Amino acid sequence: MIGSAKGYRAYAAEVSRATDARVFVAEYRLAPEHPFPAALDDARSVLAAAIDEVGAQSCFAIGDSAGGGLVISSLWDLHRTGATLPGRIVLA
């Protein structure tokens, strides 16, 4: 369960309760079965879709540990291409 979206259900539920917001936990492809840049491609696509769905100012990108690095890398890729970025980020 650790390192999967399933392992973050309780955390996501608490974030949702505390913020009164919808929360989506992405399940992205992991190495070694899916080498770089599979996880980055997945995270970038999820962030872009979330921004399209709720708007940039209502979108928060949250990541901890390796997920924090993935959030930063995804944001850098989106920024580099001129795409819209989420209104807030939270890294732990």
PDB file of N, CA and C in Angstrom:
ATOM      1  N   MET A   1       0.802  -1.198   0.000  1.00  0.00           N
ATOM      2  CA  MET A   1       0.000   0.000   0.000  1.00  0.00           C
ATOM      3  C   MET A   1       0.843   1.260   0.000  1.00  0.00           C
ATOM      4  N   ILE A   2       2.003   1.229   0.624  1.00  0.00           N
ATOM      5  CA  ILE A   2       2.833   2.433   0.687  1.00  0.00           C
ATOM      6  C   ILE A   2       3.345   2.740  -0.720  1.00  0.00           C
ATOM      7  N   GLY A   3       3.249   3.999  -1.093  1.00  0.00           N
ATOM      8  CA  GLY A   3       3.698   4.411  -2.410  1.00  0.00           C
ATOM      9  C   GLY A   3       2.627   4.282  -3.474  1.00  0.00           C
ATOM     10  N   SER A   4       1.423   3.933  -3.075  1.00  0.00           N
ATOM     11  CA  SER A   4       0.330   3.836  -4.036  1.00  0.00           C
ATOM     12  C   SER A   4      -0.757   4.844  -3.665  1.00  0.00           C
ATOM     13  N   ALA A   5      -1.639   5.098  -4.599  1.00  0.00           N
ATOM     14  CA  ALA A   5      -2.754   6.009  -4.328  1.00  0.00           C
ATOM     15  C   ALA A   5      -3.614   5.463  -3.188  1.00  0.00           C
ATOM     16  N   LYS A   6      -3.754   4.168  -3.121  1.00  0.00           N
ATOM     17  CA  LYS A   6      -4.561   3.540  -2.069  1.00  0.00           C
ATOM     18  C   LYS A   6      -4.001   3.881  -0.682  1.00  0.00           C
ATOM     19  N   GLY A   7      -2.703   3.948  -0.558  1.00  0.00           N
ATOM     20  CA  GLY A   7      -2.069   4.251   0.708  1.00  0.00           C
ATOM     21  C   GLY A   7      -2.301   5.678   1.185  1.00  0.00           C
ATOM     22  N   TYR A   8      -2.799   6.543   0.305  1.00  0.00           N
ATOM     23  CA  TYR A   8      -3.027   7.944   0.647  1.00  0.00           C
ATOM     24  C   TYR A   8      -4.505   8.293   0.821  1.00  0.00           C
ATOM     25  N   ARG A   9      -5.365   7.282   0.865  1.00  0.00           N
ATOM     26  CA  ARG A   9      -6.800   7.557   0.998  1.00  0.00           C
ATOM     27  C   ARG A   9      -7.139   8.333   2.271  1.00  0.00           C
ATOM     28  N   ALA A  10      -6.611   7.910   3.406  1.00  0.00           N
ATOM     29  CA  ALA A  10      -6.928   8.589   4.670  1.00  0.00           C
ATOM     30  C   ALA A  10      -6.407  10.024   4.658  1.00  0.00           C
ATOM     31  N   TYR A  11      -5.202  10.226   4.145  1.00  0.00           N
ATOM     32  CA  TYR A  11      -4.625  11.568   4.052  1.00  0.00           C
ATOM     33  C   TYR A  11      -5.486  12.451   3.142  1.00  0.00           C
ATOM     34  N   ALA A  12      -5.869  11.914   1.998  1.00  0.00           N
ATOM     35  CA  ALA A  12      -6.693  12.673   1.050  1.00  0.00           C
ATOM     36  C   ALA A  12      -8.041  13.014   1.664  1.00  0.00           C
ATOM     37  N   ALA A  13      -8.618  12.080   2.397  1.00  0.00           N
ATOM     38  CA  ALA A  13      -9.904  12.334   3.044  1.00  0.00           C
ATOM     39  C   ALA A  13      -9.780  13.461   4.065  1.00  0.00           C
ATOM     40  N   GLU A  14      -8.694  13.477   4.811  1.00  0.00           N
ATOM     41  CA  GLU A  14      -8.481  14.536   5.801  1.00  0.00           C
ATOM     42  C   GLU A  14      -8.262  15.888   5.126  1.00  0.00           C
ATOM     43  N   VAL A  15      -7.503  15.919   4.045  1.00  0.00           N
ATOM     44  CA  VAL A  15      -7.306  17.169   3.295  1.00  0.00           C
ATOM     45  C   VAL A  15      -8.652  17.662   2.764  1.00  0.00           C
ATOM     46  N   SER A  16      -9.445  16.754   2.239  1.00  0.00           N
ATOM     47  CA  SER A  16     -10.761  17.117   1.714  1.00  0.00           C
ATOM     48  C   SER A  16     -11.660  17.668   2.812  1.00  0.00           C
ATOM     49  N   ARG A  17     -11.673  17.008   3.961  1.00  0.00           N
ATOM     50  CA  ARG A  17     -12.503  17.461   5.081  1.00  0.00           C
ATOM     51  C   ARG A  17     -12.051  18.841   5.568  1.00  0.00           C
ATOM     52  N   ALA A  18     -10.744  19.021   5.706  1.00  0.00           N
ATOM     53  CA  ALA A  18     -10.214  20.277   6.240  1.00  0.00           C
ATOM     54  C   ALA A  18     -10.403  21.452   5.282  1.00  0.00           C
ATOM     55  N   THR A  19     -10.420  21.184   3.990  1.00  0.00           N
ATOM     56  CA  THR A  19     -10.500  22.256   3.004  1.00  0.00           C
ATOM     57  C   THR A  19     -11.862  22.369   2.338  1.00  0.00           C
ATOM     58  N   ASP A  20     -12.738  21.401   2.609  1.00  0.00           N
ATOM     59  CA  ASP A  20     -14.044  21.340   1.956  1.00  0.00           C
ATOM     60  C   ASP A  20     -13.878  21.358   0.435  1.00  0.00           C
ATOM     61  N   ALA A  21     -12.937  20.562  -0.035  1.00  0.00           N
ATOM     62  CA  ALA A  21     -12.635  20.511  -1.459  1.00  0.00           C
ATOM     63  C   ALA A  21     -12.599  19.064  -1.945  1.00  0.00           C
ATOM     64  N   ARG A  22     -12.787  18.911  -3.240  1.00  0.00           N
ATOM     65  CA  ARG A  22     -12.591  17.604  -3.858  1.00  0.00           C
ATOM     66  C   ARG A  22     -11.098  17.323  -3.900  1.00  0.00           C
ATOM     67  N   VAL A  23     -10.734  16.061  -3.681  1.00  0.00           N
ATOM     68  CA  VAL A  23      -9.330  15.665  -3.712  1.00  0.00           C
ATOM     69  C   VAL A  23      -9.192  14.481  -4.660  1.00  0.00           C
ATOM     70  N   PHE A  24      -8.185  14.538  -5.489  1.00  0.00           N
ATOM     71  CA  PHE A  24      -7.885  13.442  -6.402  1.00  0.00           C
ATOM     72  C   PHE A  24      -6.469  12.977  -6.132  1.00  0.00           C
ATOM     73  N   VAL A  25      -6.309  11.689  -5.903  1.00  0.00           N
ATOM     74  CA  VAL A  25      -4.983  11.115  -5.691  1.00  0.00           C
ATOM     75  C   VAL A  25      -4.620  10.333  -6.953  1.00  0.00           C
ATOM     76  N   ALA A  26      -3.565  10.756  -7.608  1.00  0.00           N
ATOM     77  CA  ALA A  26      -3.164  10.128  -8.865  1.00  0.00           C
ATOM     78  C   ALA A  26      -2.374   8.847  -8.626  1.00  0.00           C
ATOM     79  N   GLU A  27      -2.659   7.854  -9.409  1.00  0.00           N
ATOM     80  CA  GLU A  27      -1.866   6.622  -9.442  1.00  0.00           C
ATOM     81  C   GLU A  27      -0.998   6.736 -10.689  1.00  0.00           C
ATOM     82  N   TYR A  28       0.298   6.909 -10.500  1.00  0.00           N
ATOM     83  CA  TYR A  28       1.174   7.080 -11.651  1.00  0.00           C
ATOM     84  C   TYR A  28       2.075   5.858 -11.807  1.00  0.00           C
ATOM     85  N   ARG A  29       2.574   5.697 -13.017  1.00  0.00           N
ATOM     86  CA  ARG A  29       3.423   4.542 -13.320  1.00  0.00           C
ATOM     87  C   ARG A  29       4.761   4.651 -12.593  1.00  0.00           C
ATOM     88  N   LEU A  30       5.209   3.522 -12.082  1.00  0.00           N
ATOM     89  CA  LEU A  30       6.432   3.471 -11.281  1.00  0.00           C
ATOM     90  C   LEU A  30       7.535   2.690 -11.981  1.00  0.00           C
ATOM     91  N   ALA A  31       8.779   3.095 -11.718  1.00  0.00           N
ATOM     92  CA  ALA A  31       9.942   2.334 -12.177  1.00  0.00           C
ATOM     93  C   ALA A  31      10.099   1.129 -11.254  1.00  0.00           C
ATOM     94  N   PRO A  32      10.704   0.070 -11.631  1.00  0.00           N
ATOM     95  CA  PRO A  32      11.427  -0.111 -12.890  1.00  0.00           C
ATOM     96  C   PRO A  32      10.557  -0.588 -14.044  1.00  0.00           C
ATOM     97  N   GLU A  33       9.309  -0.981 -13.759  1.00  0.00           N
ATOM     98  CA  GLU A  33       8.450  -1.467 -14.843  1.00  0.00           C
ATOM     99  C   GLU A  33       8.198  -0.395 -15.893  1.00  0.00           C
ATOM    100  N   HIS A  34       8.136   0.850 -15.450  1.00  0.00           N
ATOM    101  CA  HIS A  34       7.881   1.982 -16.341  1.00  0.00           C
ATOM    102  C   HIS A  34       8.980   3.014 -16.111  1.00  0.00           C
ATOM    103  N   PRO A  35      10.061   2.960 -16.898  1.00  0.00           N
ATOM    104  CA  PRO A  35      11.196   3.857 -16.667  1.00  0.00           C
ATOM    105  C   PRO A  35      10.856   5.327 -16.949  1.00  0.00           C
ATOM    106  N   PHE A  36      11.738   6.184 -16.432  1.00  0.00           N
ATOM    107  CA  PHE A  36      11.650   7.621 -16.673  1.00  0.00           C
ATOM    108  C   PHE A  36      11.488   7.872 -18.162  1.00  0.00           C
ATOM    109  N   PRO A  37      10.611   8.758 -18.546  1.00  0.00           N
ATOM    110  CA  PRO A  37       9.856   9.740 -17.786  1.00  0.00           C
ATOM    111  C   PRO A  37       8.382   9.373 -17.574  1.00  0.00           C
ATOM    112  N   ALA A  38       8.049   8.102 -17.430  1.00  0.00           N
ATOM    113  CA  ALA A  38       6.647   7.681 -17.326  1.00  0.00           C
ATOM    114  C   ALA A  38       5.915   8.384 -16.184  1.00  0.00           C
ATOM    115  N   ALA A  39       6.483   8.378 -14.988  1.00  0.00           N
ATOM    116  CA  ALA A  39       5.816   9.014 -13.840  1.00  0.00           C
ATOM    117  C   ALA A  39       5.645  10.513 -14.071  1.00  0.00           C
ATOM    118  N   LEU A  40       6.659  11.148 -14.623  1.00  0.00           N
ATOM    119  CA  LEU A  40       6.585  12.581 -14.909  1.00  0.00           C
ATOM    120  C   LEU A  40       5.504  12.871 -15.941  1.00  0.00           C
ATOM    121  N   ASP A  41       5.426  12.063 -16.983  1.00  0.00           N
ATOM    122  CA  ASP A  41       4.381  12.240 -17.995  1.00  0.00           C
ATOM    123  C   ASP A  41       2.999  12.120 -17.365  1.00  0.00           C
ATOM    124  N   ASP A  42       2.831  11.113 -16.506  1.00  0.00           N
ATOM    125  CA  ASP A  42       1.540  10.905 -15.851  1.00  0.00           C
ATOM    126  C   ASP A  42       1.184  12.087 -14.951  1.00  0.00           C
ATOM    127  N   ALA A  43       2.132  12.524 -14.137  1.00  0.00           N
ATOM    128  CA  ALA A  43       1.872  13.624 -13.198  1.00  0.00           C
ATOM    129  C   ALA A  43       1.558  14.914 -13.943  1.00  0.00           C
ATOM    130  N   ARG A  44       2.291  15.181 -14.985  1.00  0.00           N
ATOM    131  CA  ARG A  44       2.053  16.389 -15.777  1.00  0.00           C
ATOM    132  C   ARG A  44       0.652  16.348 -16.401  1.00  0.00           C
ATOM    133  N   SER A  45       0.253  15.207 -16.903  1.00  0.00           N
ATOM    134  CA  SER A  45      -1.076  15.066 -17.503  1.00  0.00           C
ATOM    135  C   SER A  45      -2.181  15.240 -16.470  1.00  0.00           C
ATOM    136  N   VAL A  46      -1.976  14.665 -15.285  1.00  0.00           N
ATOM    137  CA  VAL A  46      -2.973  14.790 -14.218  1.00  0.00           C
ATOM    138  C   VAL A  46      -3.108  16.249 -13.781  1.00  0.00           C
ATOM    139  N   LEU A  47      -1.995  16.933 -13.603  1.00  0.00           N
ATOM    140  CA  LEU A  47      -2.062  18.343 -13.200  1.00  0.00           C
ATOM    141  C   LEU A  47      -2.759  19.193 -14.254  1.00  0.00           C
ATOM    142  N   ALA A  48      -2.431  18.984 -15.506  1.00  0.00           N
ATOM    143  CA  ALA A  48      -3.070  19.753 -16.582  1.00  0.00           C
ATOM    144  C   ALA A  48      -4.570  19.479 -16.620  1.00  0.00           C
ATOM    145  N   ALA A  49      -4.970  18.223 -16.444  1.00  0.00           N
ATOM    146  CA  ALA A  49      -6.400  17.873 -16.453  1.00  0.00           C
ATOM    147  C   ALA A  49      -7.122  18.487 -15.257  1.00  0.00           C
ATOM    148  N   ALA A  50      -6.485  18.484 -14.086  1.00  0.00           N
ATOM    149  CA  ALA A  50      -7.097  19.076 -12.893  1.00  0.00           C
ATOM    150  C   ALA A  50      -7.287  20.577 -13.071  1.00  0.00           C
ATOM    151  N   ILE A  51      -6.300  21.234 -13.639  1.00  0.00           N
ATOM    152  CA  ILE A  51      -6.400  22.671 -13.883  1.00  0.00           C
ATOM    153  C   ILE A  51      -7.525  22.959 -14.875  1.00  0.00           C
ATOM    154  N   ASP A  52      -7.626  22.150 -15.916  1.00  0.00           N
ATOM    155  CA  ASP A  52      -8.716  22.310 -16.886  1.00  0.00           C
ATOM    156  C   ASP A  52     -10.079  22.104 -16.228  1.00  0.00           C
ATOM    157  N   GLU A  53     -10.145  21.165 -15.296  1.00  0.00           N
ATOM    158  CA  GLU A  53     -11.407  20.816 -14.640  1.00  0.00           C
ATOM    159  C   GLU A  53     -11.898  21.893 -13.681  1.00  0.00           C
ATOM    160  N   VAL A  54     -11.006  22.397 -12.826  1.00  0.00           N
ATOM    161  CA  VAL A  54     -11.454  23.301 -11.757  1.00  0.00           C
ATOM    162  C   VAL A  54     -10.908  24.723 -11.878  1.00  0.00           C
ATOM    163  N   GLY A  55      -9.994  24.952 -12.793  1.00  0.00           N
ATOM    164  CA  GLY A  55      -9.373  26.264 -12.921  1.00  0.00           C
ATOM    165  C   GLY A  55      -8.112  26.353 -12.076  1.00  0.00           C
ATOM    166  N   ALA A  56      -7.180  27.150 -12.526  1.00  0.00           N
ATOM    167  CA  ALA A  56      -5.877  27.234 -11.870  1.00  0.00           C
ATOM    168  C   ALA A  56      -5.973  27.684 -10.419  1.00  0.00           C
ATOM    169  N   GLN A  57      -6.791  28.682 -10.121  1.00  0.00           N
ATOM    170  CA  GLN A  57      -6.845  29.214  -8.762  1.00  0.00           C
ATOM    171  C   GLN A  57      -7.510  28.266  -7.774  1.00  0.00           C
ATOM    172  N   SER A  58      -8.265  27.298  -8.267  1.00  0.00           N
ATOM    173  CA  SER A  58      -8.911  26.317  -7.390  1.00  0.00           C
ATOM    174  C   SER A  58      -8.135  25.015  -7.319  1.00  0.00           C
ATOM    175  N   CYS A  59      -7.008  24.946  -7.997  1.00  0.00           N
ATOM    176  CA  CYS A  59      -6.227  23.710  -8.053  1.00  0.00           C
ATOM    177  C   CYS A  59      -5.006  23.806  -7.144  1.00  0.00           C
ATOM    178  N   PHE A  60      -4.859  22.826  -6.278  1.00  0.00           N
ATOM    179  CA  PHE A  60      -3.690  22.706  -5.415  1.00  0.00           C
ATOM    180  C   PHE A  60      -2.940  21.456  -5.828  1.00  0.00           C
ATOM    181  N   ALA A  61      -1.648  21.534  -5.987  1.00  0.00           N
ATOM    182  CA  ALA A  61      -0.808  20.362  -6.237  1.00  0.00           C
ATOM    183  C   ALA A  61      -0.083  20.047  -4.933  1.00  0.00           C
ATOM    184  N   ILE A  62      -0.292  18.845  -4.421  1.00  0.00           N
ATOM    185  CA  ILE A  62       0.288  18.451  -3.138  1.00  0.00           C
ATOM    186  C   ILE A  62       1.153  17.223  -3.348  1.00  0.00           C
ATOM    187  N   GLY A  63       2.358  17.229  -2.792  1.00  0.00           N
ATOM    188  CA  GLY A  63       3.236  16.065  -2.888  1.00  0.00           C
ATOM    189  C   GLY A  63       4.147  15.962  -1.693  1.00  0.00           C
ATOM    190  N   ASP A  64       4.402  14.739  -1.266  1.00  0.00           N
ATOM    191  CA  ASP A  64       5.350  14.533  -0.169  1.00  0.00           C
ATOM    192  C   ASP A  64       6.420  13.557  -0.625  1.00  0.00           C
ATOM    193  N   SER A  65       7.572  13.700  -0.052  1.00  0.00           N
ATOM    194  CA  SER A  65       8.703  12.823  -0.349  1.00  0.00           C
ATOM    195  C   SER A  65       8.951  12.800  -1.855  1.00  0.00           C
ATOM    196  N   ALA A  66       9.017  11.625  -2.452  1.00  0.00           N
ATOM    197  CA  ALA A  66       9.260  11.533  -3.894  1.00  0.00           C
ATOM    198  C   ALA A  66       8.145  12.222  -4.677  1.00  0.00           C
ATOM    199  N   GLY A  67       6.933  12.188  -4.133  1.00  0.00           N
ATOM    200  CA  GLY A  67       5.819  12.868  -4.782  1.00  0.00           C
ATOM    201  C   GLY A  67       6.016  14.370  -4.833  1.00  0.00           C
ATOM    202  N   GLY A  68       6.700  14.931  -3.845  1.00  0.00           N
ATOM    203  CA  GLY A  68       7.026  16.347  -3.862  1.00  0.00           C
ATOM    204  C   GLY A  68       7.961  16.686  -5.005  1.00  0.00           C
ATOM    205  N   GLY A  69       8.952  15.837  -5.200  1.00  0.00           N
ATOM    206  CA  GLY A  69       9.861  16.027  -6.327  1.00  0.00           C
ATOM    207  C   GLY A  69       9.147  15.891  -7.654  1.00  0.00           C
ATOM    208  N   LEU A  70       8.198  14.975  -7.709  1.00  0.00           N
ATOM    209  CA  LEU A  70       7.419  14.772  -8.929  1.00  0.00           C
ATOM    210  C   LEU A  70       6.533  15.989  -9.208  1.00  0.00           C
ATOM    211  N   VAL A  71       5.961  16.579  -8.170  1.00  0.00           N
ATOM    212  CA  VAL A  71       5.158  17.796  -8.338  1.00  0.00           C
ATOM    213  C   VAL A  71       6.034  18.913  -8.897  1.00  0.00           C
ATOM    214  N   ILE A  72       7.193  19.137  -8.297  1.00  0.00           N
ATOM    215  CA  ILE A  72       8.092  20.206  -8.766  1.00  0.00           C
ATOM    216  C   ILE A  72       8.518  19.969 -10.213  1.00  0.00           C
ATOM    217  N   SER A  73       8.893  18.746 -10.539  1.00  0.00           N
ATOM    218  CA  SER A  73       9.306  18.432 -11.911  1.00  0.00           C
ATOM    219  C   SER A  73       8.162  18.649 -12.896  1.00  0.00           C
ATOM    220  N   SER A  74       6.964  18.258 -12.503  1.00  0.00           N
ATOM    221  CA  SER A  74       5.796  18.434 -13.368  1.00  0.00           C
ATOM    222  C   SER A  74       5.502  19.915 -13.585  1.00  0.00           C
ATOM    223  N   LEU A  75       5.575  20.681 -12.495  1.00  0.00           N
ATOM    224  CA  LEU A  75       5.337  22.113 -12.613  1.00  0.00           C
ATOM    225  C   LEU A  75       6.377  22.780 -13.506  1.00  0.00           C
ATOM    226  N   TRP A  76       7.619  22.352 -13.375  1.00  0.00           N
ATOM    227  CA  TRP A  76       8.675  22.914 -14.225  1.00  0.00           C
ATOM    228  C   TRP A  76       8.394  22.618 -15.687  1.00  0.00           C
ATOM    229  N   ASP A  77       7.984  21.388 -15.989  1.00  0.00           N
ATOM    230  CA  ASP A  77       7.655  21.026 -17.372  1.00  0.00           C
ATOM    231  C   ASP A  77       6.478  21.854 -17.889  1.00  0.00           C
ATOM    232  N   LEU A  78       5.441  21.995 -17.074  1.00  0.00           N
ATOM    233  CA  LEU A  78       4.289  22.795 -17.493  1.00  0.00           C
ATOM    234  C   LEU A  78       4.697  24.252 -17.715  1.00  0.00           C
ATOM    235  N   HIS A  79       5.481  24.801 -16.802  1.00  0.00           N
ATOM    236  CA  HIS A  79       5.951  26.184 -16.929  1.00  0.00           C
ATOM    237  C   HIS A  79       6.778  26.369 -18.202  1.00  0.00           C
ATOM    238  N   ARG A  80       7.657  25.426 -18.456  1.00  0.00           N
ATOM    239  CA  ARG A  80       8.553  25.485 -19.611  1.00  0.00           C
ATOM    240  C   ARG A  80       7.783  25.550 -20.928  1.00  0.00           C
ATOM    241  N   THR A  81       6.618  24.905 -20.966  1.00  0.00           N
ATOM    242  CA  THR A  81       5.811  24.889 -22.191  1.00  0.00           C
ATOM    243  C   THR A  81       4.779  26.008 -22.227  1.00  0.00           C
ATOM    244  N   GLY A  82       4.747  26.843 -21.177  1.00  0.00           N
ATOM    245  CA  GLY A  82       3.803  27.947 -21.149  1.00  0.00           C
ATOM    246  C   GLY A  82       2.403  27.553 -20.706  1.00  0.00           C
ATOM    247  N   ALA A  83       2.256  26.355 -20.169  1.00  0.00           N
ATOM    248  CA  ALA A  83       0.949  25.898 -19.701  1.00  0.00           C
ATOM    249  C   ALA A  83       0.557  26.606 -18.408  1.00  0.00           C
ATOM    250  N   THR A  84      -0.714  26.585 -18.116  1.00  0.00           N
ATOM    251  CA  THR A  84      -1.230  27.167 -16.879  1.00  0.00           C
ATOM    252  C   THR A  84      -0.775  26.322 -15.698  1.00  0.00           C
ATOM    253  N   LEU A  85      -0.422  26.987 -14.607  1.00  0.00           N
ATOM    254  CA  LEU A  85       0.030  26.296 -13.398  1.00  0.00           C
ATOM    255  C   LEU A  85      -1.046  26.382 -12.322  1.00  0.00           C
ATOM    256  N   PRO A  86      -1.026  25.421 -11.372  1.00  0.00           N
ATOM    257  CA  PRO A  86      -2.008  25.472 -10.290  1.00  0.00           C
ATOM    258  C   PRO A  86      -1.790  26.704  -9.409  1.00  0.00           C
ATOM    259  N   GLY A  87      -2.852  27.128  -8.763  1.00  0.00           N
ATOM    260  CA  GLY A  87      -2.794  28.323  -7.918  1.00  0.00           C
ATOM    261  C   GLY A  87      -1.966  28.156  -6.683  1.00  0.00           C
ATOM    262  N   ARG A  88      -1.837  26.943  -6.176  1.00  0.00           N
ATOM    263  CA  ARG A  88      -1.094  26.679  -4.939  1.00  0.00           C
ATOM    264  C   ARG A  88      -0.368  25.342  -5.051  1.00  0.00           C
ATOM    265  N   ILE A  89       0.754  25.250  -4.340  1.00  0.00           N
ATOM    266  CA  ILE A  89       1.431  23.966  -4.191  1.00  0.00           C
ATOM    267  C   ILE A  89       1.759  23.766  -2.722  1.00  0.00           C
ATOM    268  N   VAL A  90       1.740  22.521  -2.314  1.00  0.00           N
ATOM    269  CA  VAL A  90       2.096  22.137  -0.951  1.00  0.00           C
ATOM    270  C   VAL A  90       3.074  20.977  -1.058  1.00  0.00           C
ATOM    271  N   LEU A  91       4.257  21.173  -0.489  1.00  0.00           N
ATOM    272  CA  LEU A  91       5.283  20.126  -0.521  1.00  0.00           C
ATOM    273  C   LEU A  91       5.664  19.754   0.902  1.00  0.00           C
ATOM    274  N   ALA A  92       5.810  18.467   1.123  1.00  0.00           N
ATOM    275  CA  ALA A  92       6.176  18.013   2.459  1.00  0.00           C
ATOM    276  C   ALA A  92       7.306  17.002   2.384  1.00  0.00           C
TER     277      ALA A  92
END
